[in-house]
Amino acid sequence: MSLHWHGAGQGQPGHNPMMRASDSDRERAADVLKAGYSEGRLSKEEYDHRLDRVHRAATYADIQPMIVDLPQGPVPMTGYQQQPMAVVPQAFRPVPMPQRNWAAVPPPSSTNSTAIGALVCGVLTPMTWGLTSLPAVILGHKARAEMQGRTEKGDGMATAGLVLGYLGMAFWSLFILIAVLAA
């Protein structure tokens, strides 16, 4: 934390020690005192005494003596040397994982909607008295043609729709033929 009034009155333009201190100046000084106390640079009594004087300070000259012996920002650690790393045997080192190319994964294939329609029409054939047999056959052939060049699922549904559609058409054709011959 840098205080603008550090060294006030020492030839710096606009930093007159007799200039009135603002509330924010007093708060910055209080923050410096709090940091000094939390780092163990000040005792509790000294911290309380200085904090009281900072809050009653009217000018920069009143604030400066309370914080002049404390660091007013990050202080670099001197004499620190990094300890050498212990050598880890190869047997205990982590095994590197192979990189995966997620872009090469194909998107999930979807089910062909025409095949679903063929299956639904084929299943509904007995309940509709054969009216959905022809749509089941048409949709089944269309779905199988659509799926030949694609990676869509649903070939079994299309085949089931075709089988049910042809069975429904055969049953109703046989029923009509018997009804006509019996008449």
Protein backbone atom coordinates (compact mmCIF):
# COMPACT_ATOMS: atom_id res chain seq x y z
CA MET A 1 0.00 0.00 0.00
CA SER A 2 1.57 3.26 -1.05
CA LEU A 3 0.70 6.40 0.86
CA HIS A 4 0.97 9.60 -1.13
CA TRP A 5 2.21 11.59 1.84
CA HIS A 6 5.24 9.40 2.61
CA GLY A 7 8.12 11.84 2.99
CA ALA A 8 5.83 14.85 3.00
CA GLY A 9 7.51 18.21 3.02
CA GLN A 10 10.77 16.96 1.49
CA GLY A 11 10.63 18.91 -1.74
CA GLN A 12 7.75 17.04 -3.31
CA PRO A 13 5.27 19.34 -5.01
CA GLY A 14 1.78 19.32 -3.50
CA HIS A 15 2.85 17.50 -0.30
CA ASN A 16 2.84 20.14 2.38
CA PRO A 17 3.13 18.63 5.89
CA MET A 18 0.71 21.23 7.19
CA MET A 19 -1.94 20.27 4.63
CA ARG A 20 -5.09 18.95 6.27
CA ALA A 21 -5.50 15.17 6.18
CA SER A 22 -8.68 13.65 4.80
CA ASP A 23 -10.63 10.72 6.20
CA SER A 24 -9.21 8.47 3.48
CA ASP A 25 -5.65 9.55 4.47
CA ARG A 26 -6.37 8.55 8.06
CA GLU A 27 -7.86 5.22 6.89
CA ARG A 28 -4.76 4.46 4.79
CA ALA A 29 -2.57 5.16 7.81
CA ALA A 30 -4.82 2.95 9.95
CA ASP A 31 -4.39 0.16 7.39
CA VAL A 32 -0.59 0.50 7.65
CA LEU A 33 -0.87 0.25 11.43
CA LYS A 34 -3.15 -2.80 11.18
CA ALA A 35 -0.66 -4.50 8.88
CA GLY A 36 2.18 -3.68 11.25
CA TYR A 37 0.24 -5.08 14.20
CA SER A 38 -0.81 -8.25 12.38
CA GLU A 39 2.81 -8.85 11.30
CA GLY A 40 4.01 -8.51 14.90
CA ARG A 41 5.83 -5.20 14.40
CA LEU A 42 3.70 -3.42 17.02
CA SER A 43 2.47 -4.47 20.43
CA LYS A 44 -1.22 -4.19 21.27
CA GLU A 45 -0.67 -1.11 23.46
CA GLU A 46 1.49 0.64 20.86
CA TYR A 47 -1.02 -0.19 18.11
CA ASP A 48 -3.94 1.21 20.14
CA HIS A 49 -1.97 4.36 21.01
CA ARG A 50 -0.90 5.04 17.41
CA LEU A 51 -4.35 4.25 16.01
CA ASP A 52 -5.95 6.70 18.43
CA ARG A 53 -3.47 9.42 17.43
CA VAL A 54 -4.00 8.71 13.69
CA HIS A 55 -7.77 9.09 14.05
CA ARG A 56 -7.30 12.40 15.86
CA ALA A 57 -4.69 13.69 13.37
CA ALA A 58 -5.54 16.90 11.54
CA THR A 59 -2.56 17.23 9.17
CA TYR A 60 -0.06 15.07 7.34
CA ALA A 61 2.55 16.13 9.88
CA ASP A 62 0.40 14.54 12.62
CA ILE A 63 0.03 11.25 10.70
CA GLN A 64 3.59 10.82 9.42
CA PRO A 65 5.32 10.09 12.77
CA MET A 66 2.82 7.30 13.52
CA ILE A 67 3.75 5.22 10.43
CA VAL A 68 7.27 6.32 9.50
CA ASP A 69 8.91 3.23 11.04
CA LEU A 70 6.50 0.74 9.37
CA PRO A 71 6.62 -0.62 5.80
CA GLN A 72 3.91 0.95 3.68
CA GLY A 73 3.62 -1.74 1.04
CA PRO A 74 4.99 -5.12 0.07
CA VAL A 75 8.48 -5.63 1.46
CA PRO A 76 10.69 -8.04 -0.49
CA MET A 77 12.23 -10.85 1.53
CA THR A 78 16.01 -10.62 1.47
CA GLY A 79 18.35 -13.51 1.96
CA TYR A 80 15.83 -16.09 0.77
CA GLN A 81 17.36 -18.86 -1.26
CA GLN A 82 15.38 -21.65 -2.81
CA GLN A 83 16.21 -25.05 -1.36
CA PRO A 84 17.39 -27.64 -3.92
CA MET A 85 14.73 -30.14 -4.90
CA ALA A 86 15.24 -33.74 -3.86
CA VAL A 87 15.80 -36.09 -6.77
CA VAL A 88 12.88 -38.51 -7.15
CA PRO A 89 13.75 -41.93 -8.58
CA GLN A 90 12.20 -42.71 -11.96
CA ALA A 91 10.13 -45.54 -10.46
CA PHE A 92 8.22 -43.08 -8.26
CA ARG A 93 7.62 -40.35 -10.84
CA PRO A 94 4.13 -39.99 -12.28
CA VAL A 95 3.53 -41.66 -15.61
CA PRO A 96 2.63 -39.10 -18.30
CA MET A 97 -0.84 -39.65 -19.68
CA PRO A 98 -1.28 -39.68 -23.46
CA GLN A 99 -2.92 -36.59 -24.86
CA ARG A 100 -6.40 -37.22 -26.16
CA ASN A 101 -7.60 -35.55 -29.29
CA TRP A 102 -11.16 -34.68 -28.33
CA ALA A 103 -11.80 -33.07 -31.69
CA ALA A 104 -11.50 -36.48 -33.41
CA VAL A 105 -14.40 -37.98 -31.46
CA PRO A 106 -17.43 -38.13 -33.76
CA PRO A 107 -20.68 -36.64 -32.53
CA PRO A 108 -23.23 -39.14 -31.24
CA SER A 109 -25.42 -40.53 -33.98
CA SER A 110 -29.14 -39.88 -33.81
CA THR A 111 -32.06 -42.12 -34.66
CA ASN A 112 -33.68 -41.54 -38.02
CA SER A 113 -37.09 -39.97 -37.46
CA THR A 114 -38.57 -41.58 -40.60
CA ALA A 115 -37.67 -45.02 -39.18
CA ILE A 116 -39.50 -44.12 -35.96
CA GLY A 117 -42.53 -43.12 -38.04
CA ALA A 118 -42.41 -46.43 -39.95
CA LEU A 119 -42.37 -48.43 -36.71
CA VAL A 120 -45.25 -46.41 -35.21
CA CYS A 121 -47.38 -46.86 -38.33
CA GLY A 122 -46.57 -50.60 -38.40
CA VAL A 123 -47.58 -51.06 -34.76
CA LEU A 124 -50.83 -49.12 -35.31
CA THR A 125 -51.84 -51.27 -38.31
CA PRO A 126 -54.13 -53.69 -36.38
CA MET A 127 -55.76 -50.86 -34.44
CA THR A 128 -56.53 -48.80 -37.56
CA TRP A 129 -57.94 -51.76 -39.57
CA GLY A 130 -54.96 -51.66 -41.92
CA LEU A 131 -55.07 -47.94 -42.78
CA THR A 132 -51.50 -47.37 -41.58
CA SER A 133 -50.03 -50.40 -43.42
CA LEU A 134 -49.23 -48.49 -46.60
CA PRO A 135 -47.64 -45.50 -44.75
CA ALA A 136 -45.56 -47.99 -42.71
CA VAL A 137 -44.19 -49.58 -45.91
CA ILE A 138 -43.53 -46.22 -47.57
CA LEU A 139 -41.80 -44.75 -44.49
CA GLY A 140 -39.78 -47.94 -43.95
CA HIS A 141 -38.35 -47.85 -47.50
CA LYS A 142 -37.69 -44.12 -47.25
CA ALA A 143 -35.89 -44.50 -43.90
CA ARG A 144 -33.65 -47.30 -45.19
CA ALA A 145 -32.71 -45.19 -48.23
CA GLU A 146 -31.92 -42.18 -46.02
CA MET A 147 -29.72 -44.18 -43.65
CA GLN A 148 -27.47 -45.69 -46.35
CA GLY A 149 -25.19 -42.63 -46.60
CA ARG A 150 -25.44 -41.54 -42.97
CA THR A 151 -24.42 -42.77 -39.54
CA GLU A 152 -27.95 -42.66 -38.16
CA LYS A 153 -29.49 -45.41 -36.09
CA GLY A 154 -32.91 -46.93 -36.70
CA ASP A 155 -32.39 -49.62 -39.32
CA GLY A 156 -34.16 -52.17 -37.11
CA MET A 157 -37.12 -49.83 -36.61
CA ALA A 158 -37.42 -49.29 -40.36
CA THR A 159 -37.31 -53.05 -40.99
CA ALA A 160 -39.91 -53.70 -38.28
CA GLY A 161 -42.16 -51.05 -39.82
CA LEU A 162 -41.77 -52.68 -43.26
CA VAL A 163 -42.55 -56.18 -41.93
CA LEU A 164 -45.61 -55.03 -39.97
CA GLY A 165 -46.81 -52.93 -42.91
CA TYR A 166 -46.46 -55.82 -45.40
CA LEU A 167 -48.11 -58.26 -42.96
CA GLY A 168 -51.00 -55.84 -42.44
CA MET A 169 -51.41 -55.37 -46.20
CA ALA A 170 -51.26 -59.14 -46.78
CA PHE A 171 -53.79 -59.83 -44.03
CA TRP A 172 -56.30 -57.27 -45.27
CA SER A 173 -55.79 -58.29 -48.89
CA LEU A 174 -56.46 -61.92 -47.92
CA PHE A 175 -59.47 -60.89 -45.83
CA ILE A 176 -60.97 -58.86 -48.70
CA LEU A 177 -60.27 -61.69 -51.18
CA ILE A 178 -62.05 -64.25 -48.94
CA ALA A 179 -64.97 -61.82 -48.42
CA VAL A 180 -65.36 -61.29 -52.18
CA LEU A 181 -65.13 -65.01 -52.99
CA ALA A 182 -67.61 -65.88 -50.25
CA ALA A 183 -70.17 -63.45 -51.54
